[in-house]
Amino acid sequence: MENNSVVKNGIGFGAVLAITISWSVHHSVLWAIIHGCFSWLYVIYYVFTR
């Protein structure tokens, strides 16, 4: 049961992190929603391109 909650929290944190980064870069709600859907993929992309 603990593994299930860790996965849910990790996915939620990744989405929040992606939305925060997206908002600080683009200042667009649409981009924040799109990047939130891709969550960790966008965070990893951001880290490698900055």
PDB file of N, CA and C in Angstrom:
ATOM      1  N   MET A   1       0.820  -1.205   0.000  1.00  0.00           N
ATOM      2  CA  MET A   1       0.000   0.000   0.000  1.00  0.00           C
ATOM      3  C   MET A   1       0.858   1.262   0.000  1.00  0.00           C
ATOM      4  N   GLU A   2       2.005   1.239   0.639  1.00  0.00           N
ATOM      5  CA  GLU A   2       2.851   2.428   0.689  1.00  0.00           C
ATOM      6  C   GLU A   2       3.367   2.807  -0.687  1.00  0.00           C
ATOM      7  N   ASN A   3       3.673   1.827  -1.532  1.00  0.00           N
ATOM      8  CA  ASN A   3       4.161   2.125  -2.878  1.00  0.00           C
ATOM      9  C   ASN A   3       3.133   2.897  -3.684  1.00  0.00           C
ATOM     10  N   ASN A   4       1.877   2.572  -3.533  1.00  0.00           N
ATOM     11  CA  ASN A   4       0.808   3.251  -4.262  1.00  0.00           C
ATOM     12  C   ASN A   4       0.735   4.725  -3.875  1.00  0.00           C
ATOM     13  N   SER A   5       0.859   5.047  -2.606  1.00  0.00           N
ATOM     14  CA  SER A   5       0.793   6.447  -2.181  1.00  0.00           C
ATOM     15  C   SER A   5       2.032   7.215  -2.614  1.00  0.00           C
ATOM     16  N   VAL A   6       3.181   6.552  -2.650  1.00  0.00           N
ATOM     17  CA  VAL A   6       4.404   7.217  -3.108  1.00  0.00           C
ATOM     18  C   VAL A   6       4.271   7.597  -4.577  1.00  0.00           C
ATOM     19  N   VAL A   7       3.728   6.715  -5.378  1.00  0.00           N
ATOM     20  CA  VAL A   7       3.546   6.998  -6.803  1.00  0.00           C
ATOM     21  C   VAL A   7       2.568   8.144  -6.988  1.00  0.00           C
ATOM     22  N   LYS A   8       1.469   8.142  -6.263  1.00  0.00           N
ATOM     23  CA  LYS A   8       0.486   9.236  -6.382  1.00  0.00           C
ATOM     24  C   LYS A   8       1.096  10.569  -5.966  1.00  0.00           C
ATOM     25  N   ASN A   9       1.840  10.593  -4.875  1.00  0.00           N
ATOM     26  CA  ASN A   9       2.466  11.843  -4.428  1.00  0.00           C
ATOM     27  C   ASN A   9       3.532  12.304  -5.401  1.00  0.00           C
ATOM     28  N   GLY A  10       4.283  11.389  -5.966  1.00  0.00           N
ATOM     29  CA  GLY A  10       5.315  11.749  -6.936  1.00  0.00           C
ATOM     30  C   GLY A  10       4.731  12.352  -8.188  1.00  0.00           C
ATOM     31  N   ILE A  11       3.644  11.776  -8.675  1.00  0.00           N
ATOM     32  CA  ILE A  11       2.991  12.306  -9.870  1.00  0.00           C
ATOM     33  C   ILE A  11       2.400  13.678  -9.577  1.00  0.00           C
ATOM     34  N   GLY A  12       1.796  13.850  -8.433  1.00  0.00           N
ATOM     35  CA  GLY A  12       1.231  15.142  -8.062  1.00  0.00           C
ATOM     36  C   GLY A  12       2.298  16.213  -7.914  1.00  0.00           C
ATOM     37  N   PHE A  13       3.411  15.867  -7.289  1.00  0.00           N
ATOM     38  CA  PHE A  13       4.506  16.820  -7.123  1.00  0.00           C
ATOM     39  C   PHE A  13       5.097  17.201  -8.470  1.00  0.00           C
ATOM     40  N   GLY A  14       5.244  16.228  -9.370  1.00  0.00           N
ATOM     41  CA  GLY A  14       5.782  16.507 -10.700  1.00  0.00           C
ATOM     42  C   GLY A  14       4.897  17.461 -11.476  1.00  0.00           C
ATOM     43  N   ALA A  15       3.589  17.277 -11.371  1.00  0.00           N
ATOM     44  CA  ALA A  15       2.661  18.161 -12.075  1.00  0.00           C
ATOM     45  C   ALA A  15       2.720  19.575 -11.517  1.00  0.00           C
ATOM     46  N   VAL A  16       2.762  19.695 -10.198  1.00  0.00           N
ATOM     47  CA  VAL A  16       2.846  21.022  -9.575  1.00  0.00           C
ATOM     48  C   VAL A  16       4.152  21.703  -9.952  1.00  0.00           C
ATOM     49  N   LEU A  17       5.245  20.964  -9.952  1.00  0.00           N
ATOM     50  CA  LEU A  17       6.538  21.523 -10.322  1.00  0.00           C
ATOM     51  C   LEU A  17       6.537  21.981 -11.776  1.00  0.00           C
ATOM     52  N   ALA A  18       5.980  21.166 -12.668  1.00  0.00           N
ATOM     53  CA  ALA A  18       5.907  21.535 -14.084  1.00  0.00           C
ATOM     54  C   ALA A  18       5.055  22.778 -14.296  1.00  0.00           C
ATOM     55  N   ILE A  19       3.921  22.858 -13.613  1.00  0.00           N
ATOM     56  CA  ILE A  19       3.047  24.026 -13.739  1.00  0.00           C
ATOM     57  C   ILE A  19       3.746  25.282 -13.229  1.00  0.00           C
ATOM     58  N   THR A  20       4.449  25.164 -12.121  1.00  0.00           N
ATOM     59  CA  THR A  20       5.160  26.310 -11.555  1.00  0.00           C
ATOM     60  C   THR A  20       6.251  26.801 -12.494  1.00  0.00           C
ATOM     61  N   ILE A  21       7.044  25.885 -13.020  1.00  0.00           N
ATOM     62  CA  ILE A  21       8.105  26.265 -13.963  1.00  0.00           C
ATOM     63  C   ILE A  21       7.493  26.887 -15.207  1.00  0.00           C
ATOM     64  N   SER A  22       6.444  26.268 -15.736  1.00  0.00           N
ATOM     65  CA  SER A  22       5.807  26.770 -16.940  1.00  0.00           C
ATOM     66  C   SER A  22       5.262  28.181 -16.736  1.00  0.00           C
ATOM     67  N   TRP A  23       4.622  28.408 -15.603  1.00  0.00           N
ATOM     68  CA  TRP A  23       4.060  29.735 -15.340  1.00  0.00           C
ATOM     69  C   TRP A  23       5.168  30.785 -15.227  1.00  0.00           C
ATOM     70  N   SER A  24       6.269  30.435 -14.581  1.00  0.00           N
ATOM     71  CA  SER A  24       7.348  31.401 -14.411  1.00  0.00           C
ATOM     72  C   SER A  24       8.030  31.730 -15.737  1.00  0.00           C
ATOM     73  N   VAL A  25       8.005  30.808 -16.688  1.00  0.00           N
ATOM     74  CA  VAL A  25       8.643  31.041 -17.981  1.00  0.00           C
ATOM     75  C   VAL A  25       7.683  31.687 -18.975  1.00  0.00           C
ATOM     76  N   HIS A  26       6.457  31.163 -19.084  1.00  0.00           N
ATOM     77  CA  HIS A  26       5.537  31.583 -20.149  1.00  0.00           C
ATOM     78  C   HIS A  26       4.424  32.526 -19.702  1.00  0.00           C
ATOM     79  N   HIS A  27       4.065  32.548 -18.429  1.00  0.00           N
ATOM     80  CA  HIS A  27       2.952  33.351 -17.914  1.00  0.00           C
ATOM     81  C   HIS A  27       1.667  33.087 -18.695  1.00  0.00           C
ATOM     82  N   SER A  28       1.404  31.807 -18.965  1.00  0.00           N
ATOM     83  CA  SER A  28       0.220  31.417 -19.727  1.00  0.00           C
ATOM     84  C   SER A  28      -0.458  30.234 -19.032  1.00  0.00           C
ATOM     85  N   VAL A  29      -1.764  30.373 -18.816  1.00  0.00           N
ATOM     86  CA  VAL A  29      -2.516  29.293 -18.180  1.00  0.00           C
ATOM     87  C   VAL A  29      -2.573  28.077 -19.103  1.00  0.00           C
ATOM     88  N   LEU A  30      -2.738  28.300 -20.408  1.00  0.00           N
ATOM     89  CA  LEU A  30      -2.803  27.184 -21.352  1.00  0.00           C
ATOM     90  C   LEU A  30      -1.520  26.360 -21.328  1.00  0.00           C
ATOM     91  N   TRP A  31      -0.361  27.024 -21.396  1.00  0.00           N
ATOM     92  CA  TRP A  31       0.908  26.288 -21.349  1.00  0.00           C
ATOM     93  C   TRP A  31       1.089  25.597 -20.005  1.00  0.00           C
ATOM     94  N   ALA A  32       0.653  26.220 -18.928  1.00  0.00           N
ATOM     95  CA  ALA A  32       0.767  25.592 -17.606  1.00  0.00           C
ATOM     96  C   ALA A  32      -0.046  24.300 -17.541  1.00  0.00           C
ATOM     97  N   ILE A  33      -1.238  24.307 -18.133  1.00  0.00           N
ATOM     98  CA  ILE A  33      -2.074  23.097 -18.149  1.00  0.00           C
ATOM     99  C   ILE A  33      -1.417  22.013 -19.000  1.00  0.00           C
ATOM    100  N   ILE A  34      -0.931  22.384 -20.163  1.00  0.00           N
ATOM    101  CA  ILE A  34      -0.282  21.405 -21.047  1.00  0.00           C
ATOM    102  C   ILE A  34       0.953  20.813 -20.372  1.00  0.00           C
ATOM    103  N   HIS A  35       1.782  21.662 -19.801  1.00  0.00           N
ATOM    104  CA  HIS A  35       2.988  21.171 -19.145  1.00  0.00           C
ATOM    105  C   HIS A  35       2.659  20.371 -17.892  1.00  0.00           C
ATOM    106  N   GLY A  36       1.585  20.704 -17.213  1.00  0.00           N
ATOM    107  CA  GLY A  36       1.148  19.923 -16.064  1.00  0.00           C
ATOM    108  C   GLY A  36       0.749  18.513 -16.455  1.00  0.00           C
ATOM    109  N   CYS A  37       0.158  18.376 -17.636  1.00  0.00           N
ATOM    110  CA  CYS A  37      -0.215  17.035 -18.122  1.00  0.00           C
ATOM    111  C   CYS A  37       1.024  16.189 -18.415  1.00  0.00           C
ATOM    112  N   PHE A  38       2.067  16.821 -18.906  1.00  0.00           N
ATOM    113  CA  PHE A  38       3.299  16.087 -19.200  1.00  0.00           C
ATOM    114  C   PHE A  38       4.214  15.985 -17.984  1.00  0.00           C
ATOM    115  N   SER A  39       3.941  16.719 -16.955  1.00  0.00           N
ATOM    116  CA  SER A  39       4.625  16.791 -15.666  1.00  0.00           C
ATOM    117  C   SER A  39       6.120  16.510 -15.715  1.00  0.00           C
ATOM    118  N   TRP A  40       6.568  15.328 -15.343  1.00  0.00           N
ATOM    119  CA  TRP A  40       7.999  15.056 -15.200  1.00  0.00           C
ATOM    120  C   TRP A  40       8.733  15.173 -16.530  1.00  0.00           C
ATOM    121  N   LEU A  41       8.086  14.886 -17.638  1.00  0.00           N
ATOM    122  CA  LEU A  41       8.755  15.034 -18.934  1.00  0.00           C
ATOM    123  C   LEU A  41       9.143  16.490 -19.169  1.00  0.00           C
ATOM    124  N   TYR A  42       8.245  17.410 -18.835  1.00  0.00           N
ATOM    125  CA  TYR A  42       8.555  18.824 -18.999  1.00  0.00           C
ATOM    126  C   TYR A  42       9.633  19.272 -18.018  1.00  0.00           C
ATOM    127  N   VAL A  43       9.598  18.781 -16.793  1.00  0.00           N
ATOM    128  CA  VAL A  43      10.610  19.155 -15.798  1.00  0.00           C
ATOM    129  C   VAL A  43      11.989  18.706 -16.267  1.00  0.00           C
ATOM    130  N   ILE A  44      12.096  17.480 -16.760  1.00  0.00           N
ATOM    131  CA  ILE A  44      13.377  16.972 -17.249  1.00  0.00           C
ATOM    132  C   ILE A  44      13.837  17.771 -18.467  1.00  0.00           C
ATOM    133  N   TYR A  45      12.914  18.075 -19.378  1.00  0.00           N
ATOM    134  CA  TYR A  45      13.239  18.903 -20.545  1.00  0.00           C
ATOM    135  C   TYR A  45      13.770  20.270 -20.104  1.00  0.00           C
ATOM    136  N   TYR A  46      13.106  20.882 -19.147  1.00  0.00           N
ATOM    137  CA  TYR A  46      13.507  22.202 -18.660  1.00  0.00           C
ATOM    138  C   TYR A  46      14.920  22.162 -18.062  1.00  0.00           C
ATOM    139  N   VAL A  47      15.207  21.118 -17.290  1.00  0.00           N
ATOM    140  CA  VAL A  47      16.523  20.998 -16.654  1.00  0.00           C
ATOM    141  C   VAL A  47      17.624  20.873 -17.704  1.00  0.00           C
ATOM    142  N   PHE A  48      17.386  20.099 -18.747  1.00  0.00           N
ATOM    143  CA  PHE A  48      18.420  19.894 -19.764  1.00  0.00           C
ATOM    144  C   PHE A  48      18.571  21.052 -20.726  1.00  0.00           C
ATOM    145  N   THR A  49      17.553  21.897 -20.862  1.00  0.00           N
ATOM    146  CA  THR A  49      17.643  23.007 -21.806  1.00  0.00           C
ATOM    147  C   THR A  49      18.010  24.335 -21.143  1.00  0.00           C
ATOM    148  N   ARG A  50      18.108  24.369 -19.843  1.00  0.00           N
ATOM    149  CA  ARG A  50      18.472  25.620 -19.154  1.00  0.00           C
ATOM    150  C   ARG A  50      19.852  25.559 -18.599  1.00  0.00           C
TER     151      ARG A  50
END
